[in-house]
Amino acid sequence: MKSGNTPPERLHERAMLFVTAERQSAALENILPLLSEAETEIYKRGRNAKGRAGGNAGIVEYRRATGMECLFGYLHLAGEKERTDELFRIAFGEAIK
């Protein structure tokens, strides 16, 4: 399906598979055991300890999601495209098909 022909509500549904704190927190469970020591440290340092959860997310889900976003941002900026892709596929599995 080409994005130019996709109705906006369908694009929104697809985006919600990846961008909510609840989804990111759940997806994190799939990759936590696979992270290197350095990646785990980046994740832990990236958790937003002072932030407030927004929307329907609890504070634990929110912090886990911000840590995951930090990890993916770090890997992207470090040029680790293959590792980023690998972890994303494992984290979100069926949602990316």
PDB file of N, CA and C in Angstrom:
ATOM      1  N   MET A   1       0.845  -1.174   0.000  1.00  0.00           N
ATOM      2  CA  MET A   1       0.000   0.000   0.000  1.00  0.00           C
ATOM      3  C   MET A   1       0.891   1.238   0.000  1.00  0.00           C
ATOM      4  N   LYS A   2       0.662   2.129  -0.925  1.00  0.00           N
ATOM      5  CA  LYS A   2       1.443   3.361  -0.997  1.00  0.00           C
ATOM      6  C   LYS A   2       0.880   4.377  -0.020  1.00  0.00           C
ATOM      7  N   SER A   3       1.764   5.081   0.675  1.00  0.00           N
ATOM      8  CA  SER A   3       1.314   6.035   1.690  1.00  0.00           C
ATOM      9  C   SER A   3       0.506   7.178   1.082  1.00  0.00           C
ATOM     10  N   GLY A   4       0.764   7.542  -0.167  1.00  0.00           N
ATOM     11  CA  GLY A   4       0.014   8.609  -0.811  1.00  0.00           C
ATOM     12  C   GLY A   4      -1.447   8.255  -1.016  1.00  0.00           C
ATOM     13  N   ASN A   5      -1.749   6.968  -1.052  1.00  0.00           N
ATOM     14  CA  ASN A   5      -3.112   6.517  -1.262  1.00  0.00           C
ATOM     15  C   ASN A   5      -3.776   6.022   0.017  1.00  0.00           C
ATOM     16  N   THR A   6      -3.087   6.119   1.127  1.00  0.00           N
ATOM     17  CA  THR A   6      -3.608   5.610   2.390  1.00  0.00           C
ATOM     18  C   THR A   6      -4.432   6.684   3.084  1.00  0.00           C
ATOM     19  N   PRO A   7      -5.654   6.335   3.479  1.00  0.00           N
ATOM     20  CA  PRO A   7      -6.473   7.327   4.194  1.00  0.00           C
ATOM     21  C   PRO A   7      -5.797   7.748   5.502  1.00  0.00           C
ATOM     22  N   PRO A   8      -5.955   9.002   5.894  1.00  0.00           N
ATOM     23  CA  PRO A   8      -5.305   9.503   7.108  1.00  0.00           C
ATOM     24  C   PRO A   8      -5.628   8.683   8.352  1.00  0.00           C
ATOM     25  N   GLU A   9      -6.855   8.216   8.479  1.00  0.00           N
ATOM     26  CA  GLU A   9      -7.196   7.441   9.674  1.00  0.00           C
ATOM     27  C   GLU A   9      -6.440   6.116   9.727  1.00  0.00           C
ATOM     28  N   ARG A  10      -6.136   5.531   8.580  1.00  0.00           N
ATOM     29  CA  ARG A  10      -5.348   4.290   8.537  1.00  0.00           C
ATOM     30  C   ARG A  10      -3.894   4.572   8.922  1.00  0.00           C
ATOM     31  N   LEU A  11      -3.358   5.683   8.458  1.00  0.00           N
ATOM     32  CA  LEU A  11      -1.994   6.064   8.829  1.00  0.00           C
ATOM     33  C   LEU A  11      -1.907   6.283  10.339  1.00  0.00           C
ATOM     34  N   HIS A  12      -2.927   6.909  10.895  1.00  0.00           N
ATOM     35  CA  HIS A  12      -2.956   7.146  12.340  1.00  0.00           C
ATOM     36  C   HIS A  12      -2.978   5.810  13.092  1.00  0.00           C
ATOM     37  N   GLU A  13      -3.788   4.876  12.643  1.00  0.00           N
ATOM     38  CA  GLU A  13      -3.849   3.558  13.282  1.00  0.00           C
ATOM     39  C   GLU A  13      -2.489   2.875  13.256  1.00  0.00           C
ATOM     40  N   ARG A  14      -1.809   2.944  12.119  1.00  0.00           N
ATOM     41  CA  ARG A  14      -0.480   2.328  11.998  1.00  0.00           C
ATOM     42  C   ARG A  14       0.529   3.016  12.912  1.00  0.00           C
ATOM     43  N   ALA A  15       0.480   4.335  12.976  1.00  0.00           N
ATOM     44  CA  ALA A  15       1.420   5.074  13.828  1.00  0.00           C
ATOM     45  C   ALA A  15       1.236   4.697  15.288  1.00  0.00           C
ATOM     46  N   MET A  16       0.011   4.476  15.709  1.00  0.00           N
ATOM     47  CA  MET A  16      -0.262   4.157  17.108  1.00  0.00           C
ATOM     48  C   MET A  16       0.321   2.801  17.523  1.00  0.00           C
ATOM     49  N   LEU A  17       0.694   1.980  16.553  1.00  0.00           N
ATOM     50  CA  LEU A  17       1.351   0.705  16.865  1.00  0.00           C
ATOM     51  C   LEU A  17       2.775   0.920  17.375  1.00  0.00           C
ATOM     52  N   PHE A  18       3.318   2.121  17.147  1.00  0.00           N
ATOM     53  CA  PHE A  18       4.719   2.366  17.475  1.00  0.00           C
ATOM     54  C   PHE A  18       4.956   3.520  18.449  1.00  0.00           C
ATOM     55  N   VAL A  19       4.073   4.479  18.509  1.00  0.00           N
ATOM     56  CA  VAL A  19       4.402   5.717  19.215  1.00  0.00           C
ATOM     57  C   VAL A  19       3.781   5.879  20.596  1.00  0.00           C
ATOM     58  N   THR A  20       2.927   4.991  21.029  1.00  0.00           N
ATOM     59  CA  THR A  20       2.363   5.147  22.366  1.00  0.00           C
ATOM     60  C   THR A  20       3.296   4.547  23.413  1.00  0.00           C
ATOM     61  N   ALA A  21       3.283   5.132  24.580  1.00  0.00           N
ATOM     62  CA  ALA A  21       4.134   4.632  25.667  1.00  0.00           C
ATOM     63  C   ALA A  21       3.786   3.188  26.014  1.00  0.00           C
ATOM     64  N   GLU A  22       2.516   2.849  25.963  1.00  0.00           N
ATOM     65  CA  GLU A  22       2.097   1.480  26.274  1.00  0.00           C
ATOM     66  C   GLU A  22       2.704   0.480  25.295  1.00  0.00           C
ATOM     67  N   ARG A  23       2.641   0.807  24.001  1.00  0.00           N
ATOM     68  CA  ARG A  23       3.197  -0.090  22.976  1.00  0.00           C
ATOM     69  C   ARG A  23       4.719  -0.180  23.086  1.00  0.00           C
ATOM     70  N   GLN A  24       5.367   0.952  23.299  1.00  0.00           N
ATOM     71  CA  GLN A  24       6.824   0.949  23.409  1.00  0.00           C
ATOM     72  C   GLN A  24       7.281   0.182  24.641  1.00  0.00           C
ATOM     73  N   SER A  25       6.577   0.342  25.739  1.00  0.00           N
ATOM     74  CA  SER A  25       6.931  -0.369  26.964  1.00  0.00           C
ATOM     75  C   SER A  25       6.790  -1.877  26.772  1.00  0.00           C
ATOM     76  N   ALA A  26       5.709  -2.292  26.117  1.00  0.00           N
ATOM     77  CA  ALA A  26       5.503  -3.720  25.849  1.00  0.00           C
ATOM     78  C   ALA A  26       6.563  -4.253  24.885  1.00  0.00           C
ATOM     79  N   ALA A  27       6.883  -3.478  23.859  1.00  0.00           N
ATOM     80  CA  ALA A  27       7.882  -3.895  22.873  1.00  0.00           C
ATOM     81  C   ALA A  27       9.266  -4.016  23.505  1.00  0.00           C
ATOM     82  N   LEU A  28       9.523  -3.184  24.494  1.00  0.00           N
ATOM     83  CA  LEU A  28      10.810  -3.213  25.180  1.00  0.00           C
ATOM     84  C   LEU A  28      11.087  -4.584  25.789  1.00  0.00           C
ATOM     85  N   GLU A  29      10.050  -5.246  26.267  1.00  0.00           N
ATOM     86  CA  GLU A  29      10.206  -6.581  26.858  1.00  0.00           C
ATOM     87  C   GLU A  29      10.866  -7.551  25.887  1.00  0.00           C
ATOM     88  N   ASN A  30      10.607  -7.370  24.600  1.00  0.00           N
ATOM     89  CA  ASN A  30      11.155  -8.268  23.583  1.00  0.00           C
ATOM     90  C   ASN A  30      12.655  -8.097  23.382  1.00  0.00           C
ATOM     91  N   ILE A  31      13.167  -6.910  23.685  1.00  0.00           N
ATOM     92  CA  ILE A  31      14.585  -6.664  23.394  1.00  0.00           C
ATOM     93  C   ILE A  31      15.469  -6.545  24.628  1.00  0.00           C
ATOM     94  N   LEU A  32      14.894  -6.314  25.787  1.00  0.00           N
ATOM     95  CA  LEU A  32      15.730  -6.129  26.988  1.00  0.00           C
ATOM     96  C   LEU A  32      16.763  -7.234  27.185  1.00  0.00           C
ATOM     97  N   PRO A  33      16.395  -8.511  27.049  1.00  0.00           N
ATOM     98  CA  PRO A  33      17.397  -9.556  27.276  1.00  0.00           C
ATOM     99  C   PRO A  33      18.507  -9.584  26.218  1.00  0.00           C
ATOM    100  N   LEU A  34      18.284  -8.904  25.094  1.00  0.00           N
ATOM    101  CA  LEU A  34      19.236  -8.945  23.983  1.00  0.00           C
ATOM    102  C   LEU A  34      20.206  -7.765  23.970  1.00  0.00           C
ATOM    103  N   LEU A  35      19.987  -6.814  24.852  1.00  0.00           N
ATOM    104  CA  LEU A  35      20.822  -5.618  24.851  1.00  0.00           C
ATOM    105  C   LEU A  35      22.198  -5.891  25.443  1.00  0.00           C
ATOM    106  N   SER A  36      23.184  -5.261  24.850  1.00  0.00           N
ATOM    107  CA  SER A  36      24.537  -5.335  25.403  1.00  0.00           C
ATOM    108  C   SER A  36      24.572  -4.526  26.694  1.00  0.00           C
ATOM    109  N   GLU A  37      25.660  -4.648  27.420  1.00  0.00           N
ATOM    110  CA  GLU A  37      25.816  -3.875  28.652  1.00  0.00           C
ATOM    111  C   GLU A  37      25.753  -2.379  28.362  1.00  0.00           C
ATOM    112  N   ALA A  38      26.415  -1.947  27.303  1.00  0.00           N
ATOM    113  CA  ALA A  38      26.422  -0.529  26.941  1.00  0.00           C
ATOM    114  C   ALA A  38      25.024  -0.061  26.532  1.00  0.00           C
ATOM    115  N   GLU A  39      24.313  -0.873  25.758  1.00  0.00           N
ATOM    116  CA  GLU A  39      22.959  -0.515  25.341  1.00  0.00           C
ATOM    117  C   GLU A  39      22.016  -0.437  26.539  1.00  0.00           C
ATOM    118  N   THR A  40      22.174  -1.355  27.475  1.00  0.00           N
ATOM    119  CA  THR A  40      21.352  -1.335  28.680  1.00  0.00           C
ATOM    120  C   THR A  40      21.604  -0.059  29.473  1.00  0.00           C
ATOM    121  N   GLU A  41      22.849   0.353  29.547  1.00  0.00           N
ATOM    122  CA  GLU A  41      23.192   1.586  30.262  1.00  0.00           C
ATOM    123  C   GLU A  41      22.560   2.795  29.580  1.00  0.00           C
ATOM    124  N   ILE A  42      22.598   2.846  28.257  1.00  0.00           N
ATOM    125  CA  ILE A  42      21.968   3.949  27.520  1.00  0.00           C
ATOM    126  C   ILE A  42      20.468   3.955  27.803  1.00  0.00           C
ATOM    127  N   TYR A  43      19.840   2.792  27.745  1.00  0.00           N
ATOM    128  CA  TYR A  43      18.405   2.688  28.040  1.00  0.00           C
ATOM    129  C   TYR A  43      18.104   3.222  29.444  1.00  0.00           C
ATOM    130  N   LYS A  44      18.862   2.772  30.429  1.00  0.00           N
ATOM    131  CA  LYS A  44      18.607   3.171  31.813  1.00  0.00           C
ATOM    132  C   LYS A  44      18.812   4.673  32.022  1.00  0.00           C
ATOM    133  N   ARG A  45      19.838   5.207  31.402  1.00  0.00           N
ATOM    134  CA  ARG A  45      20.102   6.642  31.546  1.00  0.00           C
ATOM    135  C   ARG A  45      19.063   7.480  30.830  1.00  0.00           C
ATOM    136  N   GLY A  46      18.418   6.898  29.814  1.00  0.00           N
ATOM    137  CA  GLY A  46      17.434   7.627  29.024  1.00  0.00           C
ATOM    138  C   GLY A  46      16.044   7.668  29.621  1.00  0.00           C
ATOM    139  N   ARG A  47      15.808   6.880  30.646  1.00  0.00           N
ATOM    140  CA  ARG A  47      14.480   6.908  31.262  1.00  0.00           C
ATOM    141  C   ARG A  47      14.252   8.272  31.882  1.00  0.00           C
ATOM    142  N   ASN A  48      13.148   8.868  31.574  1.00  0.00           N
ATOM    143  CA  ASN A  48      12.852  10.215  32.042  1.00  0.00           C
ATOM    144  C   ASN A  48      12.376  10.154  33.489  1.00  0.00           C
ATOM    145  N   ALA A  49      13.264  10.383  34.421  1.00  0.00           N
ATOM    146  CA  ALA A  49      12.951  10.233  35.841  1.00  0.00           C
ATOM    147  C   ALA A  49      12.070  11.353  36.384  1.00  0.00           C
ATOM    148  N   LYS A  50      12.077  12.507  35.744  1.00  0.00           N
ATOM    149  CA  LYS A  50      11.312  13.632  36.282  1.00  0.00           C
ATOM    150  C   LYS A  50      10.073  13.943  35.461  1.00  0.00           C
ATOM    151  N   GLY A  51       9.907  13.263  34.343  1.00  0.00           N
ATOM    152  CA  GLY A  51       8.771  13.554  33.476  1.00  0.00           C
ATOM    153  C   GLY A  51       7.457  13.018  34.024  1.00  0.00           C
ATOM    154  N   ARG A  52       6.393  13.527  33.458  1.00  0.00           N
ATOM    155  CA  ARG A  52       5.066  13.053  33.829  1.00  0.00           C
ATOM    156  C   ARG A  52       4.502  12.251  32.679  1.00  0.00           C
ATOM    157  N   ALA A  53       3.794  11.202  33.017  1.00  0.00           N
ATOM    158  CA  ALA A  53       3.154  10.386  31.994  1.00  0.00           C
ATOM    159  C   ALA A  53       2.007  11.177  31.388  1.00  0.00           C
ATOM    160  N   GLY A  54       1.858  11.054  30.095  1.00  0.00           N
ATOM    161  CA  GLY A  54       0.761  11.733  29.424  1.00  0.00           C
ATOM    162  C   GLY A  54      -0.257  10.721  28.927  1.00  0.00           C
ATOM    163  N   GLY A  55      -1.417  11.189  28.599  1.00  0.00           N
ATOM    164  CA  GLY A  55      -2.445  10.319  28.041  1.00  0.00           C
ATOM    165  C   GLY A  55      -2.832   9.201  28.987  1.00  0.00           C
ATOM    166  N   ASN A  56      -2.878   7.995  28.460  1.00  0.00           N
ATOM    167  CA  ASN A  56      -3.304   6.834  29.237  1.00  0.00           C
ATOM    168  C   ASN A  56      -2.137   6.068  29.863  1.00  0.00           C
ATOM    169  N   ALA A  57      -0.943   6.534  29.666  1.00  0.00           N
ATOM    170  CA  ALA A  57       0.237   5.804  30.139  1.00  0.00           C
ATOM    171  C   ALA A  57       0.453   6.010  31.626  1.00  0.00           C
ATOM    172  N   GLY A  58       0.874   4.940  32.274  1.00  0.00           N
ATOM    173  CA  GLY A  58       1.311   5.044  33.656  1.00  0.00           C
ATOM    174  C   GLY A  58       2.739   5.539  33.691  1.00  0.00           C
ATOM    175  N   ILE A  59       3.203   5.943  34.845  1.00  0.00           N
ATOM    176  CA  ILE A  59       4.542   6.511  34.962  1.00  0.00           C
ATOM    177  C   ILE A  59       5.619   5.482  34.617  1.00  0.00           C
ATOM    178  N   VAL A  60       5.416   4.218  34.979  1.00  0.00           N
ATOM    179  CA  VAL A  60       6.402   3.181  34.655  1.00  0.00           C
ATOM    180  C   VAL A  60       6.477   2.978  33.149  1.00  0.00           C
ATOM    181  N   GLU A  61       5.326   2.885  32.490  1.00  0.00           N
ATOM    182  CA  GLU A  61       5.320   2.724  31.027  1.00  0.00           C
ATOM    183  C   GLU A  61       5.981   3.918  30.356  1.00  0.00           C
ATOM    184  N   TYR A  62       5.675   5.100  30.851  1.00  0.00           N
ATOM    185  CA  TYR A  62       6.245   6.317  30.278  1.00  0.00           C
ATOM    186  C   TYR A  62       7.766   6.319  30.382  1.00  0.00           C
ATOM    187  N   ARG A  63       8.287   5.989  31.529  1.00  0.00           N
ATOM    188  CA  ARG A  63       9.740   5.985  31.723  1.00  0.00           C
ATOM    189  C   ARG A  63      10.414   4.911  30.872  1.00  0.00           C
ATOM    190  N   ARG A  64       9.811   3.746  30.803  1.00  0.00           N
ATOM    191  CA  ARG A  64      10.380   2.681  29.963  1.00  0.00           C
ATOM    192  C   ARG A  64      10.387   3.107  28.493  1.00  0.00           C
ATOM    193  N   ALA A  65       9.304   3.754  28.060  1.00  0.00           N
ATOM    194  CA  ALA A  65       9.215   4.201  26.666  1.00  0.00           C
ATOM    195  C   ALA A  65      10.265   5.260  26.365  1.00  0.00           C
ATOM    196  N   THR A  66      10.486   6.201  27.284  1.00  0.00           N
ATOM    197  CA  THR A  66      11.495   7.225  27.023  1.00  0.00           C
ATOM    198  C   THR A  66      12.893   6.605  26.983  1.00  0.00           C
ATOM    199  N   GLY A  67      13.128   5.593  27.785  1.00  0.00           N
ATOM    200  CA  GLY A  67      14.411   4.895  27.740  1.00  0.00           C
ATOM    201  C   GLY A  67      14.619   4.186  26.417  1.00  0.00           C
ATOM    202  N   MET A  68      13.553   3.574  25.922  1.00  0.00           N
ATOM    203  CA  MET A  68      13.642   2.884  24.631  1.00  0.00           C
ATOM    204  C   MET A  68      13.883   3.888  23.507  1.00  0.00           C
ATOM    205  N   GLU A  69      13.182   5.013  23.540  1.00  0.00           N
ATOM    206  CA  GLU A  69      13.396   6.046  22.527  1.00  0.00           C
ATOM    207  C   GLU A  69      14.835   6.557  22.568  1.00  0.00           C
ATOM    208  N   CYS A  70      15.362   6.709  23.750  1.00  0.00           N
ATOM    209  CA  CYS A  70      16.746   7.154  23.910  1.00  0.00           C
ATOM    210  C   CYS A  70      17.707   6.136  23.289  1.00  0.00           C
ATOM    211  N   LEU A  71      17.470   4.871  23.558  1.00  0.00           N
ATOM    212  CA  LEU A  71      18.322   3.820  23.004  1.00  0.00           C
ATOM    213  C   LEU A  71      18.308   3.851  21.485  1.00  0.00           C
ATOM    214  N   PHE A  72      17.112   3.920  20.889  1.00  0.00           N
ATOM    215  CA  PHE A  72      17.031   3.941  19.428  1.00  0.00           C
ATOM    216  C   PHE A  72      17.649   5.213  18.857  1.00  0.00           C
ATOM    217  N   GLY A  73      17.469   6.335  19.543  1.00  0.00           N
ATOM    218  CA  GLY A  73      18.097   7.575  19.096  1.00  0.00           C
ATOM    219  C   GLY A  73      19.608   7.487  19.137  1.00  0.00           C
ATOM    220  N   TYR A  74      20.137   6.923  20.211  1.00  0.00           N
ATOM    221  CA  TYR A  74      21.582   6.742  20.344  1.00  0.00           C
ATOM    222  C   TYR A  74      22.123   5.856  19.218  1.00  0.00           C
ATOM    223  N   LEU A  75      21.462   4.725  18.995  1.00  0.00           N
ATOM    224  CA  LEU A  75      21.933   3.812  17.953  1.00  0.00           C
ATOM    225  C   LEU A  75      21.891   4.477  16.581  1.00  0.00           C
ATOM    226  N   HIS A  76      20.856   5.243  16.329  1.00  0.00           N
ATOM    227  CA  HIS A  76      20.745   5.953  15.052  1.00  0.00           C
ATOM    228  C   HIS A  76      21.888   6.959  14.892  1.00  0.00           C
ATOM    229  N   LEU A  77      22.102   7.768  15.923  1.00  0.00           N
ATOM    230  CA  LEU A  77      23.153   8.786  15.844  1.00  0.00           C
ATOM    231  C   LEU A  77      24.550   8.168  15.780  1.00  0.00           C
ATOM    232  N   ALA A  78      24.700   6.976  16.345  1.00  0.00           N
ATOM    233  CA  ALA A  78      25.994   6.285  16.310  1.00  0.00           C
ATOM    234  C   ALA A  78      26.207   5.563  14.978  1.00  0.00           C
ATOM    235  N   GLY A  79      25.217   5.644  14.091  1.00  0.00           N
ATOM    236  CA  GLY A  79      25.349   5.006  12.782  1.00  0.00           C
ATOM    237  C   GLY A  79      25.162   3.501  12.807  1.00  0.00           C
ATOM    238  N   GLU A  80      24.526   3.002  13.839  1.00  0.00           N
ATOM    239  CA  GLU A  80      24.310   1.557  14.008  1.00  0.00           C
ATOM    240  C   GLU A  80      22.998   1.130  13.353  1.00  0.00           C
ATOM    241  N   LYS A  81      22.884   1.347  12.039  1.00  0.00           N
ATOM    242  CA  LYS A  81      21.634   1.074  11.332  1.00  0.00           C
ATOM    243  C   LYS A  81      21.228  -0.393  11.413  1.00  0.00           C
ATOM    244  N   GLU A  82      22.163  -1.299  11.218  1.00  0.00           N
ATOM    245  CA  GLU A  82      21.824  -2.727  11.268  1.00  0.00           C
ATOM    246  C   GLU A  82      21.316  -3.129  12.645  1.00  0.00           C
ATOM    247  N   ARG A  83      21.953  -2.639  13.695  1.00  0.00           N
ATOM    248  CA  ARG A  83      21.521  -2.963  15.056  1.00  0.00           C
ATOM    249  C   ARG A  83      20.162  -2.330  15.348  1.00  0.00           C
ATOM    250  N   THR A  84      19.966  -1.096  14.897  1.00  0.00           N
ATOM    251  CA  THR A  84      18.685  -0.424  15.067  1.00  0.00           C
ATOM    252  C   THR A  84      17.574  -1.214  14.395  1.00  0.00           C
ATOM    253  N   ASP A  85      17.799  -1.602  13.145  1.00  0.00           N
ATOM    254  CA  ASP A  85      16.805  -2.377  12.408  1.00  0.00           C
ATOM    255  C   ASP A  85      16.515  -3.709  13.087  1.00  0.00           C
ATOM    256  N   GLU A  86      17.575  -4.384  13.529  1.00  0.00           N
ATOM    257  CA  GLU A  86      17.424  -5.682  14.193  1.00  0.00           C
ATOM    258  C   GLU A  86      16.556  -5.551  15.453  1.00  0.00           C
ATOM    259  N   LEU A  87      16.893  -4.609  16.312  1.00  0.00           N
ATOM    260  CA  LEU A  87      16.137  -4.439  17.553  1.00  0.00           C
ATOM    261  C   LEU A  87      14.704  -3.993  17.289  1.00  0.00           C
ATOM    262  N   PHE A  88      14.513  -3.135  16.291  1.00  0.00           N
ATOM    263  CA  PHE A  88      13.162  -2.679  15.973  1.00  0.00           C
ATOM    264  C   PHE A  88      12.303  -3.842  15.497  1.00  0.00           C
ATOM    265  N   ARG A  89      12.854  -4.690  14.631  1.00  0.00           N
ATOM    266  CA  ARG A  89      12.098  -5.861  14.142  1.00  0.00           C
ATOM    267  C   ARG A  89      11.733  -6.793  15.293  1.00  0.00           C
ATOM    268  N   ILE A  90      12.667  -7.004  16.202  1.00  0.00           N
ATOM    269  CA  ILE A  90      12.402  -7.882  17.347  1.00  0.00           C
ATOM    270  C   ILE A  90      11.386  -7.233  18.289  1.00  0.00           C
ATOM    271  N   ALA A  91      11.543  -5.955  18.533  1.00  0.00           N
ATOM    272  CA  ALA A  91      10.661  -5.250  19.471  1.00  0.00           C
ATOM    273  C   ALA A  91       9.220  -5.233  18.995  1.00  0.00           C
ATOM    274  N   PHE A  92       9.012  -4.908  17.728  1.00  0.00           N
ATOM    275  CA  PHE A  92       7.651  -4.696  17.244  1.00  0.00           C
ATOM    276  C   PHE A  92       7.109  -5.832  16.393  1.00  0.00           C
ATOM    277  N   GLY A  93       7.954  -6.762  16.013  1.00  0.00           N
ATOM    278  CA  GLY A  93       7.531  -7.966  15.306  1.00  0.00           C
ATOM    279  C   GLY A  93       6.406  -7.812  14.323  1.00  0.00           C
ATOM    280  N   GLU A  94       5.235  -8.312  14.691  1.00  0.00           N
ATOM    281  CA  GLU A  94       4.075  -8.362  13.812  1.00  0.00           C
ATOM    282  C   GLU A  94       3.577  -6.982  13.389  1.00  0.00           C
ATOM    283  N   ALA A  95       3.799  -5.971  14.187  1.00  0.00           N
ATOM    284  CA  ALA A  95       3.268  -4.647  13.880  1.00  0.00           C
ATOM    285  C   ALA A  95       3.902  -4.038  12.630  1.00  0.00           C
ATOM    286  N   ILE A  96       5.104  -4.466  12.260  1.00  0.00           N
ATOM    287  CA  ILE A  96       5.779  -3.856  11.112  1.00  0.00           C
ATOM    288  C   ILE A  96       5.446  -4.531   9.790  1.00  0.00           C
ATOM    289  N   LYS A  97       4.683  -5.574   9.835  1.00  0.00           N
ATOM    290  CA  LYS A  97       4.326  -6.266   8.588  1.00  0.00           C
ATOM    291  C   LYS A  97       3.197  -5.579   7.871  1.00  0.00           C
TER     292      LYS A  97
END
